[in-house]
Amino acid sequence: DINASRKAARFVRFCDAFNIPLVTFVDVPGFLPGTGQEYGGVITHGAKLLYAYGEATVPKITVTLRKSYGGAHIVMSCKQLRGDINYAWPTAEIAVMGADGAVEVLYSKEIAAEKDPVKLATVIEEKKKEYNDLFTNPYVAARLGYIDDVIEPRNTRFRIIRALQQLQTKKLENPPKKHDNLPL
């Protein structure tokens, strides 16, 4: 949502200004939908968070706990946005969208063609399972390089400490420029 994006962007920039490492725990099913958010500029404010993470030079460690979908996944210090180390729990779901919405879009013809309500429920559940196995699974994300490792929840603290030690000497310089071009 707009306020959360703005607040998080400010926090990320604060941490970067004082060289405080960023540890991000992710559970975002997406940006808050609705015309109020759209008219209020959710894209602009989401871009501020995206920009803040992309510009930050401090160590960035991300742990995906549960859901991480779509544009909200991108702005939460993902690997593609210069996140240094990205972990996910086995329960994590990383994809463009959740199975409920994806099945409605991807299999709309099959769903519309099914007239029997009992069979329809079975088809929808099968397609959701198929989608989860093929796309939202954290092991698929690891294989594709979107995360570095799938870790057990009980090992999270140890892995974060180890990652912070590993990144202690991180030196990253942004290209020289007169000033930033922050999305306004």
N, C-alpha and C. Protein backbone atom coordinates (compact mmCIF):
# COMPACT_ATOMS: atom_id res chain seq x y z
N ASP A 1 0.84 -1.18 0.00
CA ASP A 1 0.00 0.00 0.00
C ASP A 1 0.88 1.24 0.00
N ILE A 2 0.30 2.36 -0.28
CA ILE A 2 1.04 3.61 -0.46
C ILE A 2 1.85 3.98 0.78
N ASN A 3 1.19 4.02 1.93
CA ASN A 3 1.88 4.43 3.16
C ASN A 3 3.00 3.48 3.54
N ALA A 4 2.76 2.18 3.39
CA ALA A 4 3.78 1.19 3.72
C ALA A 4 4.98 1.31 2.79
N SER A 5 4.74 1.53 1.51
CA SER A 5 5.84 1.68 0.54
C SER A 5 6.69 2.90 0.87
N ARG A 6 6.03 4.00 1.16
CA ARG A 6 6.74 5.24 1.47
C ARG A 6 7.55 5.09 2.77
N LYS A 7 6.94 4.49 3.77
CA LYS A 7 7.62 4.30 5.06
C LYS A 7 8.82 3.36 4.91
N ALA A 8 8.64 2.27 4.17
CA ALA A 8 9.73 1.31 3.97
C ALA A 8 10.86 1.93 3.17
N ALA A 9 10.54 2.71 2.15
CA ALA A 9 11.58 3.37 1.34
C ALA A 9 12.41 4.31 2.20
N ARG A 10 11.73 5.05 3.05
CA ARG A 10 12.44 5.98 3.94
C ARG A 10 13.35 5.20 4.90
N PHE A 11 12.86 4.07 5.42
CA PHE A 11 13.66 3.25 6.33
C PHE A 11 14.90 2.68 5.62
N VAL A 12 14.71 2.17 4.40
CA VAL A 12 15.84 1.61 3.64
C VAL A 12 16.89 2.69 3.39
N ARG A 13 16.46 3.88 3.00
CA ARG A 13 17.40 4.98 2.75
C ARG A 13 18.10 5.41 4.05
N PHE A 14 17.38 5.39 5.17
CA PHE A 14 17.99 5.71 6.46
C PHE A 14 19.09 4.71 6.79
N CYS A 15 18.78 3.42 6.67
CA CYS A 15 19.77 2.38 6.96
C CYS A 15 20.99 2.51 6.05
N ASP A 16 20.75 2.79 4.79
CA ASP A 16 21.85 2.94 3.85
C ASP A 16 22.70 4.16 4.20
N ALA A 17 22.07 5.25 4.61
CA ALA A 17 22.80 6.47 4.96
C ALA A 17 23.75 6.25 6.13
N PHE A 18 23.37 5.38 7.08
CA PHE A 18 24.19 5.14 8.26
C PHE A 18 24.88 3.78 8.24
N ASN A 19 24.94 3.17 7.07
CA ASN A 19 25.66 1.91 6.86
C ASN A 19 25.15 0.79 7.77
N ILE A 20 23.83 0.69 7.90
CA ILE A 20 23.19 -0.37 8.69
C ILE A 20 22.70 -1.44 7.72
N PRO A 21 23.16 -2.69 7.87
CA PRO A 21 22.72 -3.76 6.95
C PRO A 21 21.20 -3.94 6.99
N LEU A 22 20.66 -4.36 5.87
CA LEU A 22 19.22 -4.57 5.75
C LEU A 22 18.91 -6.06 5.75
N VAL A 23 18.09 -6.49 6.70
CA VAL A 23 17.59 -7.86 6.73
C VAL A 23 16.08 -7.75 6.53
N THR A 24 15.61 -8.30 5.41
CA THR A 24 14.21 -8.17 5.02
C THR A 24 13.51 -9.52 5.12
N PHE A 25 12.43 -9.57 5.89
CA PHE A 25 11.59 -10.76 5.97
C PHE A 25 10.36 -10.52 5.11
N VAL A 26 10.14 -11.39 4.15
CA VAL A 26 9.11 -11.16 3.13
C VAL A 26 7.90 -12.07 3.31
N ASP A 27 6.74 -11.45 3.34
CA ASP A 27 5.45 -12.14 3.27
C ASP A 27 4.49 -11.14 2.64
N VAL A 28 4.57 -11.00 1.32
CA VAL A 28 3.76 -10.01 0.60
C VAL A 28 2.96 -10.67 -0.52
N PRO A 29 1.65 -10.77 -0.36
CA PRO A 29 0.84 -11.36 -1.42
C PRO A 29 0.63 -10.42 -2.60
N GLY A 30 1.18 -9.21 -2.53
CA GLY A 30 1.04 -8.25 -3.63
C GLY A 30 0.72 -6.89 -3.08
N PHE A 31 0.64 -5.93 -3.98
CA PHE A 31 0.24 -4.58 -3.58
C PHE A 31 -1.26 -4.58 -3.30
N LEU A 32 -1.68 -3.74 -2.38
CA LEU A 32 -3.08 -3.61 -2.02
C LEU A 32 -3.88 -3.15 -3.23
N PRO A 33 -4.87 -3.92 -3.67
CA PRO A 33 -5.62 -3.53 -4.87
C PRO A 33 -6.68 -2.48 -4.56
N GLY A 34 -7.14 -1.82 -5.59
CA GLY A 34 -8.24 -0.88 -5.44
C GLY A 34 -7.97 0.44 -6.12
N THR A 35 -9.05 1.08 -6.50
CA THR A 35 -8.93 2.35 -7.21
C THR A 35 -8.36 3.44 -6.30
N GLY A 36 -8.64 3.37 -5.01
CA GLY A 36 -8.08 4.35 -4.08
C GLY A 36 -6.56 4.33 -4.09
N GLN A 37 -6.01 3.12 -4.10
CA GLN A 37 -4.55 2.96 -4.16
C GLN A 37 -4.02 3.44 -5.52
N GLU A 38 -4.72 3.07 -6.57
CA GLU A 38 -4.27 3.46 -7.92
C GLU A 38 -4.27 4.97 -8.09
N TYR A 39 -5.36 5.61 -7.70
CA TYR A 39 -5.44 7.07 -7.83
C TYR A 39 -4.47 7.77 -6.88
N GLY A 40 -4.17 7.12 -5.76
CA GLY A 40 -3.23 7.69 -4.80
C GLY A 40 -1.78 7.56 -5.21
N GLY A 41 -1.51 6.76 -6.24
CA GLY A 41 -0.15 6.64 -6.75
C GLY A 41 0.64 5.47 -6.20
N VAL A 42 0.00 4.31 -6.05
CA VAL A 42 0.69 3.15 -5.50
C VAL A 42 1.90 2.76 -6.36
N ILE A 43 1.83 2.94 -7.66
CA ILE A 43 2.96 2.61 -8.53
C ILE A 43 4.13 3.54 -8.24
N THR A 44 3.86 4.82 -8.12
CA THR A 44 4.91 5.80 -7.83
C THR A 44 5.56 5.52 -6.48
N HIS A 45 4.76 5.26 -5.47
CA HIS A 45 5.30 5.03 -4.14
C HIS A 45 5.98 3.66 -4.05
N GLY A 46 5.46 2.68 -4.76
CA GLY A 46 6.14 1.38 -4.84
C GLY A 46 7.49 1.52 -5.52
N ALA A 47 7.56 2.40 -6.52
CA ALA A 47 8.82 2.65 -7.23
C ALA A 47 9.85 3.28 -6.30
N LYS A 48 9.40 4.05 -5.33
CA LYS A 48 10.34 4.64 -4.36
C LYS A 48 11.02 3.55 -3.54
N LEU A 49 10.26 2.53 -3.15
CA LEU A 49 10.84 1.42 -2.40
C LEU A 49 11.79 0.63 -3.30
N LEU A 50 11.38 0.37 -4.51
CA LEU A 50 12.22 -0.32 -5.49
C LEU A 50 13.53 0.44 -5.66
N TYR A 51 13.44 1.73 -5.83
CA TYR A 51 14.61 2.58 -6.03
C TYR A 51 15.51 2.56 -4.80
N ALA A 52 14.92 2.65 -3.62
CA ALA A 52 15.70 2.68 -2.38
C ALA A 52 16.51 1.40 -2.21
N TYR A 53 15.89 0.24 -2.45
CA TYR A 53 16.63 -1.03 -2.36
C TYR A 53 17.69 -1.12 -3.45
N GLY A 54 17.35 -0.70 -4.66
CA GLY A 54 18.31 -0.77 -5.76
C GLY A 54 19.52 0.12 -5.55
N GLU A 55 19.32 1.24 -4.91
CA GLU A 55 20.39 2.20 -4.68
C GLU A 55 21.22 1.87 -3.44
N ALA A 56 20.67 1.15 -2.50
CA ALA A 56 21.36 0.86 -1.24
C ALA A 56 22.63 0.06 -1.48
N THR A 57 23.70 0.46 -0.80
CA THR A 57 24.99 -0.22 -0.95
C THR A 57 25.35 -1.06 0.27
N VAL A 58 24.51 -1.06 1.29
CA VAL A 58 24.77 -1.86 2.49
C VAL A 58 24.46 -3.33 2.20
N PRO A 59 24.93 -4.25 3.05
CA PRO A 59 24.56 -5.65 2.88
C PRO A 59 23.04 -5.82 2.94
N LYS A 60 22.50 -6.60 2.00
CA LYS A 60 21.05 -6.83 1.92
C LYS A 60 20.79 -8.33 1.94
N ILE A 61 20.12 -8.78 2.99
CA ILE A 61 19.78 -10.19 3.15
C ILE A 61 18.26 -10.28 3.19
N THR A 62 17.71 -11.18 2.41
CA THR A 62 16.27 -11.33 2.32
C THR A 62 15.87 -12.76 2.65
N VAL A 63 14.84 -12.91 3.48
CA VAL A 63 14.30 -14.23 3.81
C VAL A 63 12.81 -14.20 3.46
N THR A 64 12.42 -15.03 2.49
CA THR A 64 11.02 -15.13 2.11
C THR A 64 10.38 -16.20 2.99
N LEU A 65 9.41 -15.77 3.80
CA LEU A 65 8.78 -16.67 4.76
C LEU A 65 7.59 -17.40 4.16
N ARG A 66 6.73 -16.66 3.48
CA ARG A 66 5.52 -17.25 2.91
C ARG A 66 5.31 -16.76 1.49
N LYS A 67 4.42 -15.82 1.30
CA LYS A 67 4.07 -15.39 -0.05
C LYS A 67 4.94 -14.23 -0.53
N SER A 68 5.30 -14.30 -1.80
CA SER A 68 6.04 -13.22 -2.43
C SER A 68 5.64 -13.21 -3.90
N TYR A 69 4.66 -12.37 -4.22
CA TYR A 69 4.06 -12.39 -5.54
C TYR A 69 4.27 -11.09 -6.30
N GLY A 70 4.48 -11.22 -7.59
CA GLY A 70 4.42 -10.12 -8.53
C GLY A 70 5.33 -8.95 -8.23
N GLY A 71 4.79 -7.75 -8.47
CA GLY A 71 5.55 -6.53 -8.27
C GLY A 71 6.00 -6.35 -6.83
N ALA A 72 5.22 -6.84 -5.89
CA ALA A 72 5.60 -6.73 -4.48
C ALA A 72 6.85 -7.57 -4.20
N HIS A 73 7.01 -8.69 -4.89
CA HIS A 73 8.22 -9.50 -4.75
C HIS A 73 9.43 -8.71 -5.24
N ILE A 74 9.26 -8.05 -6.37
CA ILE A 74 10.38 -7.32 -6.97
C ILE A 74 10.90 -6.23 -6.04
N VAL A 75 10.01 -5.48 -5.39
CA VAL A 75 10.46 -4.35 -4.58
C VAL A 75 11.02 -4.75 -3.22
N MET A 76 10.95 -6.02 -2.85
CA MET A 76 11.40 -6.45 -1.53
C MET A 76 12.82 -7.03 -1.54
N SER A 77 13.73 -6.33 -2.16
CA SER A 77 15.15 -6.70 -2.19
C SER A 77 15.39 -8.08 -2.78
N CYS A 78 14.76 -8.33 -3.91
CA CYS A 78 14.95 -9.62 -4.58
C CYS A 78 16.35 -9.70 -5.20
N LYS A 79 16.72 -10.86 -5.63
CA LYS A 79 18.04 -11.11 -6.21
C LYS A 79 18.27 -10.22 -7.44
N GLN A 80 17.25 -10.03 -8.24
CA GLN A 80 17.38 -9.25 -9.46
C GLN A 80 17.55 -7.76 -9.17
N LEU A 81 17.33 -7.35 -7.94
CA LEU A 81 17.45 -5.95 -7.53
C LEU A 81 18.68 -5.75 -6.65
N ARG A 82 19.72 -6.50 -6.91
CA ARG A 82 21.00 -6.41 -6.20
C ARG A 82 20.90 -6.85 -4.74
N GLY A 83 19.96 -7.71 -4.42
CA GLY A 83 19.93 -8.30 -3.08
C GLY A 83 21.14 -9.22 -2.97
N ASP A 84 21.90 -9.12 -1.90
CA ASP A 84 23.14 -9.89 -1.79
C ASP A 84 22.88 -11.38 -1.56
N ILE A 85 22.09 -11.68 -0.54
CA ILE A 85 21.81 -13.08 -0.21
C ILE A 85 20.31 -13.21 0.01
N ASN A 86 19.71 -14.13 -0.71
CA ASN A 86 18.26 -14.35 -0.63
C ASN A 86 17.98 -15.79 -0.25
N TYR A 87 17.27 -15.95 0.86
CA TYR A 87 16.85 -17.27 1.33
C TYR A 87 15.33 -17.37 1.25
N ALA A 88 14.85 -18.60 1.31
CA ALA A 88 13.40 -18.83 1.40
C ALA A 88 13.17 -20.04 2.29
N TRP A 89 12.09 -19.98 3.04
CA TRP A 89 11.67 -21.14 3.81
C TRP A 89 10.99 -22.12 2.87
N PRO A 90 10.91 -23.40 3.25
CA PRO A 90 10.23 -24.39 2.40
C PRO A 90 8.76 -24.07 2.15
N THR A 91 8.16 -23.26 3.02
CA THR A 91 6.74 -22.89 2.87
C THR A 91 6.55 -21.69 1.96
N ALA A 92 7.63 -21.11 1.48
CA ALA A 92 7.55 -19.89 0.66
C ALA A 92 6.90 -20.17 -0.70
N GLU A 93 6.23 -19.16 -1.20
CA GLU A 93 5.64 -19.20 -2.54
C GLU A 93 6.13 -17.97 -3.28
N ILE A 94 6.90 -18.19 -4.34
CA ILE A 94 7.47 -17.08 -5.11
C ILE A 94 7.00 -17.22 -6.54
N ALA A 95 6.19 -16.27 -7.00
CA ALA A 95 5.63 -16.36 -8.35
C ALA A 95 5.05 -15.01 -8.77
N VAL A 96 4.59 -14.96 -10.00
CA VAL A 96 3.95 -13.76 -10.52
C VAL A 96 2.65 -13.50 -9.77
N MET A 97 1.91 -14.55 -9.48
CA MET A 97 0.66 -14.43 -8.73
C MET A 97 0.37 -15.74 -8.03
N GLY A 98 -0.53 -15.70 -7.07
CA GLY A 98 -0.92 -16.89 -6.34
C GLY A 98 -1.72 -17.85 -7.20
N ALA A 99 -1.82 -19.07 -6.74
CA ALA A 99 -2.51 -20.12 -7.50
C ALA A 99 -3.97 -19.79 -7.76
N ASP A 100 -4.67 -19.19 -6.80
CA ASP A 100 -6.09 -18.89 -6.98
C ASP A 100 -6.31 -18.00 -8.21
N GLY A 101 -5.60 -16.89 -8.27
CA GLY A 101 -5.76 -15.98 -9.40
C GLY A 101 -5.20 -16.54 -10.69
N ALA A 102 -4.08 -17.23 -10.60
CA ALA A 102 -3.44 -17.76 -11.80
C ALA A 102 -4.29 -18.82 -12.48
N VAL A 103 -4.90 -19.69 -11.70
CA VAL A 103 -5.73 -20.75 -12.28
C VAL A 103 -6.92 -20.15 -13.02
N GLU A 104 -7.52 -19.11 -12.44
CA GLU A 104 -8.65 -18.45 -13.12
C GLU A 104 -8.23 -17.87 -14.46
N VAL A 105 -7.02 -17.34 -14.54
CA VAL A 105 -6.53 -16.73 -15.79
C VAL A 105 -6.05 -17.79 -16.77
N LEU A 106 -5.19 -18.69 -16.32
CA LEU A 106 -4.56 -19.66 -17.21
C LEU A 106 -5.51 -20.73 -17.74
N TYR A 107 -6.48 -21.11 -16.93
CA TYR A 107 -7.36 -22.21 -17.30
C TYR A 107 -8.82 -21.77 -17.42
N SER A 108 -9.04 -20.54 -17.80
CA SER A 108 -10.40 -19.99 -17.85
C SER A 108 -11.31 -20.77 -18.81
N LYS A 109 -10.77 -21.23 -19.95
CA LYS A 109 -11.60 -21.97 -20.91
C LYS A 109 -12.03 -23.32 -20.34
N GLU A 110 -11.09 -24.01 -19.71
CA GLU A 110 -11.42 -25.31 -19.11
C GLU A 110 -12.44 -25.15 -17.98
N ILE A 111 -12.28 -24.11 -17.19
CA ILE A 111 -13.20 -23.86 -16.07
C ILE A 111 -14.59 -23.52 -16.60
N ALA A 112 -14.64 -22.69 -17.63
CA ALA A 112 -15.94 -22.28 -18.21
C ALA A 112 -16.64 -23.46 -18.87
N ALA A 113 -15.88 -24.39 -19.43
CA ALA A 113 -16.46 -25.53 -20.14
C ALA A 113 -17.06 -26.57 -19.19
N GLU A 114 -16.58 -26.61 -17.96
CA GLU A 114 -17.04 -27.62 -17.00
C GLU A 114 -18.37 -27.18 -16.37
N LYS A 115 -19.39 -28.00 -16.57
CA LYS A 115 -20.74 -27.67 -16.07
C LYS A 115 -21.05 -28.31 -14.72
N ASP A 116 -20.45 -29.45 -14.44
CA ASP A 116 -20.70 -30.17 -13.19
C ASP A 116 -19.93 -29.49 -12.04
N PRO A 117 -20.63 -28.97 -11.02
CA PRO A 117 -19.95 -28.24 -9.93
C PRO A 117 -18.94 -29.09 -9.15
N VAL A 118 -19.23 -30.37 -8.98
CA VAL A 118 -18.31 -31.24 -8.25
C VAL A 118 -17.04 -31.44 -9.05
N LYS A 119 -17.20 -31.72 -10.35
CA LYS A 119 -16.05 -31.89 -11.23
C LYS A 119 -15.25 -30.59 -11.34
N LEU A 120 -15.98 -29.48 -11.38
CA LEU A 120 -15.34 -28.17 -11.49
C LEU A 120 -14.42 -27.92 -10.29
N ALA A 121 -14.91 -28.21 -9.10
CA ALA A 121 -14.10 -28.04 -7.89
C ALA A 121 -12.85 -28.91 -7.94
N THR A 122 -13.00 -30.14 -8.45
CA THR A 122 -11.87 -31.05 -8.58
C THR A 122 -10.85 -30.53 -9.58
N VAL A 123 -11.34 -30.05 -10.72
CA VAL A 123 -10.45 -29.51 -11.76
C VAL A 123 -9.68 -28.31 -11.22
N ILE A 124 -10.37 -27.42 -10.53
CA ILE A 124 -9.72 -26.22 -9.98
C ILE A 124 -8.64 -26.61 -8.97
N GLU A 125 -8.94 -27.55 -8.09
CA GLU A 125 -7.95 -27.99 -7.10
C GLU A 125 -6.74 -28.65 -7.76
N GLU A 126 -6.98 -29.46 -8.80
CA GLU A 126 -5.88 -30.10 -9.52
C GLU A 126 -5.00 -29.05 -10.19
N LYS A 127 -5.61 -28.05 -10.80
CA LYS A 127 -4.86 -27.00 -11.50
C LYS A 127 -4.08 -26.14 -10.50
N LYS A 128 -4.65 -25.90 -9.32
CA LYS A 128 -3.93 -25.15 -8.29
C LYS A 128 -2.69 -25.91 -7.84
N LYS A 129 -2.86 -27.22 -7.62
CA LYS A 129 -1.73 -28.05 -7.21
C LYS A 129 -0.66 -28.06 -8.29
N GLU A 130 -1.09 -28.20 -9.53
CA GLU A 130 -0.16 -28.19 -10.66
C GLU A 130 0.60 -26.87 -10.73
N TYR A 131 -0.12 -25.76 -10.59
CA TYR A 131 0.51 -24.43 -10.62
C TYR A 131 1.52 -24.28 -9.48
N ASN A 132 1.12 -24.69 -8.28
CA ASN A 132 2.04 -24.59 -7.14
C ASN A 132 3.29 -25.44 -7.35
N ASP A 133 3.12 -26.65 -7.87
CA ASP A 133 4.27 -27.52 -8.11
C ASP A 133 5.21 -26.95 -9.17
N LEU A 134 4.64 -26.34 -10.21
CA LEU A 134 5.45 -25.84 -11.32
C LEU A 134 6.03 -24.45 -11.11
N PHE A 135 5.34 -23.59 -10.36
CA PHE A 135 5.74 -22.19 -10.33
C PHE A 135 6.02 -21.60 -8.95
N THR A 136 5.18 -21.83 -7.96
CA THR A 136 5.35 -21.11 -6.69
C THR A 136 6.33 -21.77 -5.74
N ASN A 137 6.74 -22.95 -6.01
CA ASN A 137 7.62 -23.75 -5.19
C ASN A 137 8.98 -23.05 -5.00
N PRO A 138 9.50 -22.92 -3.77
CA PRO A 138 10.78 -22.23 -3.57
C PRO A 138 11.97 -22.98 -4.19
N TYR A 139 11.83 -24.28 -4.36
CA TYR A 139 12.92 -25.04 -4.98
C TYR A 139 13.04 -24.71 -6.46
N VAL A 140 11.93 -24.40 -7.09
CA VAL A 140 11.95 -23.94 -8.48
C VAL A 140 12.65 -22.59 -8.54
N ALA A 141 12.33 -21.69 -7.62
CA ALA A 141 12.97 -20.37 -7.57
C ALA A 141 14.47 -20.50 -7.35
N ALA A 142 14.88 -21.44 -6.50
CA ALA A 142 16.31 -21.66 -6.26
C ALA A 142 17.00 -22.19 -7.51
N ARG A 143 16.34 -23.12 -8.18
CA ARG A 143 16.92 -23.69 -9.41
C ARG A 143 17.09 -22.61 -10.48
N LEU A 144 16.17 -21.66 -10.53
CA LEU A 144 16.23 -20.59 -11.52
C LEU A 144 17.13 -19.43 -11.09
N GLY A 145 17.67 -19.49 -9.88
CA GLY A 145 18.58 -18.46 -9.40
C GLY A 145 17.91 -17.26 -8.77
N TYR A 146 16.61 -17.34 -8.48
CA TYR A 146 15.90 -16.22 -7.86
C TYR A 146 16.19 -16.12 -6.37
N ILE A 147 16.58 -17.23 -5.77
CA ILE A 147 17.00 -17.25 -4.37
C ILE A 147 18.27 -18.08 -4.28
N ASP A 148 19.03 -17.88 -3.22
CA ASP A 148 20.30 -18.60 -3.06
C ASP A 148 20.13 -19.97 -2.43
N ASP A 149 19.16 -20.09 -1.51
CA ASP A 149 19.01 -21.36 -0.81
C ASP A 149 17.64 -21.42 -0.14
N VAL A 150 17.14 -22.63 -0.01
CA VAL A 150 15.93 -22.89 0.77
C VAL A 150 16.42 -23.38 2.12
N ILE A 151 16.03 -22.65 3.18
CA ILE A 151 16.53 -22.96 4.52
C ILE A 151 15.39 -23.34 5.45
N GLU A 152 15.70 -24.15 6.43
CA GLU A 152 14.72 -24.52 7.45
C GLU A 152 14.52 -23.32 8.38
N PRO A 153 13.30 -23.09 8.83
CA PRO A 153 13.04 -21.95 9.72
C PRO A 153 13.93 -21.93 10.96
N ARG A 154 14.22 -23.08 11.52
CA ARG A 154 15.04 -23.12 12.74
C ARG A 154 16.48 -22.67 12.49
N ASN A 155 16.93 -22.67 11.23
CA ASN A 155 18.29 -22.26 10.89
C ASN A 155 18.38 -20.80 10.44
N THR A 156 17.28 -20.09 10.47
CA THR A 156 17.25 -18.73 9.93
C THR A 156 18.24 -17.81 10.64
N ARG A 157 18.22 -17.80 11.95
CA ARG A 157 19.12 -16.91 12.70
C ARG A 157 20.57 -17.20 12.37
N PHE A 158 20.95 -18.46 12.39
CA PHE A 158 22.33 -18.85 12.08
C PHE A 158 22.72 -18.40 10.67
N ARG A 159 21.84 -18.61 9.70
CA ARG A 159 22.16 -18.26 8.31
C ARG A 159 22.27 -16.75 8.12
N ILE A 160 21.44 -15.98 8.84
CA ILE A 160 21.53 -14.52 8.75
C ILE A 160 22.85 -14.04 9.35
N ILE A 161 23.21 -14.58 10.50
CA ILE A 161 24.48 -14.20 11.14
C ILE A 161 25.64 -14.53 10.21
N ARG A 162 25.63 -15.71 9.64
CA ARG A 162 26.70 -16.12 8.72
C ARG A 162 26.76 -15.21 7.50
N ALA A 163 25.59 -14.85 6.97
CA ALA A 163 25.54 -13.96 5.81
C ALA A 163 26.08 -12.57 6.16
N LEU A 164 25.72 -12.06 7.33
CA LEU A 164 26.23 -10.76 7.75
C LEU A 164 27.75 -10.78 7.91
N GLN A 165 28.28 -11.88 8.45
CA GLN A 165 29.74 -12.02 8.57
C GLN A 165 30.38 -12.07 7.19
N GLN A 166 29.76 -12.79 6.31
CA GLN A 166 30.27 -12.92 4.94
C GLN A 166 30.29 -11.57 4.22
N LEU A 167 29.30 -10.74 4.50
CA LEU A 167 29.17 -9.45 3.81
C LEU A 167 29.80 -8.28 4.58
N GLN A 168 30.52 -8.59 5.65
CA GLN A 168 31.10 -7.55 6.49
C GLN A 168 32.03 -6.62 5.71
N THR A 169 32.73 -7.14 4.75
CA THR A 169 33.69 -6.33 3.99
C THR A 169 33.14 -5.89 2.64
N LYS A 170 31.86 -5.98 2.48
CA LYS A 170 31.24 -5.61 1.20
C LYS A 170 31.54 -4.15 0.87
N LYS A 171 32.02 -3.93 -0.32
CA LYS A 171 32.25 -2.58 -0.81
C LYS A 171 31.54 -2.46 -2.14
N LEU A 172 30.61 -1.54 -2.21
CA LEU A 172 29.87 -1.33 -3.44
C LEU A 172 29.71 0.16 -3.64
N GLU A 173 30.10 0.60 -4.78
CA GLU A 173 29.98 2.01 -5.11
C GLU A 173 28.96 2.16 -6.23
N ASN A 174 28.06 3.09 -6.06
CA ASN A 174 27.17 3.42 -7.16
C ASN A 174 27.93 4.30 -8.14
N PRO A 175 27.53 4.30 -9.40
CA PRO A 175 28.25 5.11 -10.39
C PRO A 175 28.22 6.59 -10.00
N PRO A 176 29.32 7.30 -10.30
CA PRO A 176 29.33 8.73 -9.97
C PRO A 176 28.28 9.48 -10.80
N LYS A 177 27.59 10.38 -10.14
CA LYS A 177 26.58 11.19 -10.83
C LYS A 177 26.35 12.44 -10.01
N LYS A 178 25.77 13.41 -10.63
CA LYS A 178 25.52 14.68 -9.95
C LYS A 178 24.51 14.51 -8.82
N HIS A 179 23.42 13.80 -9.08
CA HIS A 179 22.41 13.53 -8.07
C HIS A 179 21.57 12.33 -8.50
N ASP A 180 20.79 11.82 -7.58
CA ASP A 180 19.91 10.69 -7.87
C ASP A 180 18.70 11.16 -8.66
N ASN A 181 18.06 10.23 -9.31
CA ASN A 181 16.82 10.52 -10.03
C ASN A 181 15.69 9.74 -9.37
N LEU A 182 15.39 10.11 -8.14
CA LEU A 182 14.36 9.44 -7.34
C LEU A 182 12.99 9.58 -7.97
N PRO A 183 12.21 8.49 -8.07
CA PRO A 183 10.86 8.61 -8.63
C PRO A 183 9.99 9.48 -7.72
N LEU A 184 9.46 10.53 -8.25
CA LEU A 184 8.65 11.46 -7.44
C LEU A 184 7.20 11.40 -7.79
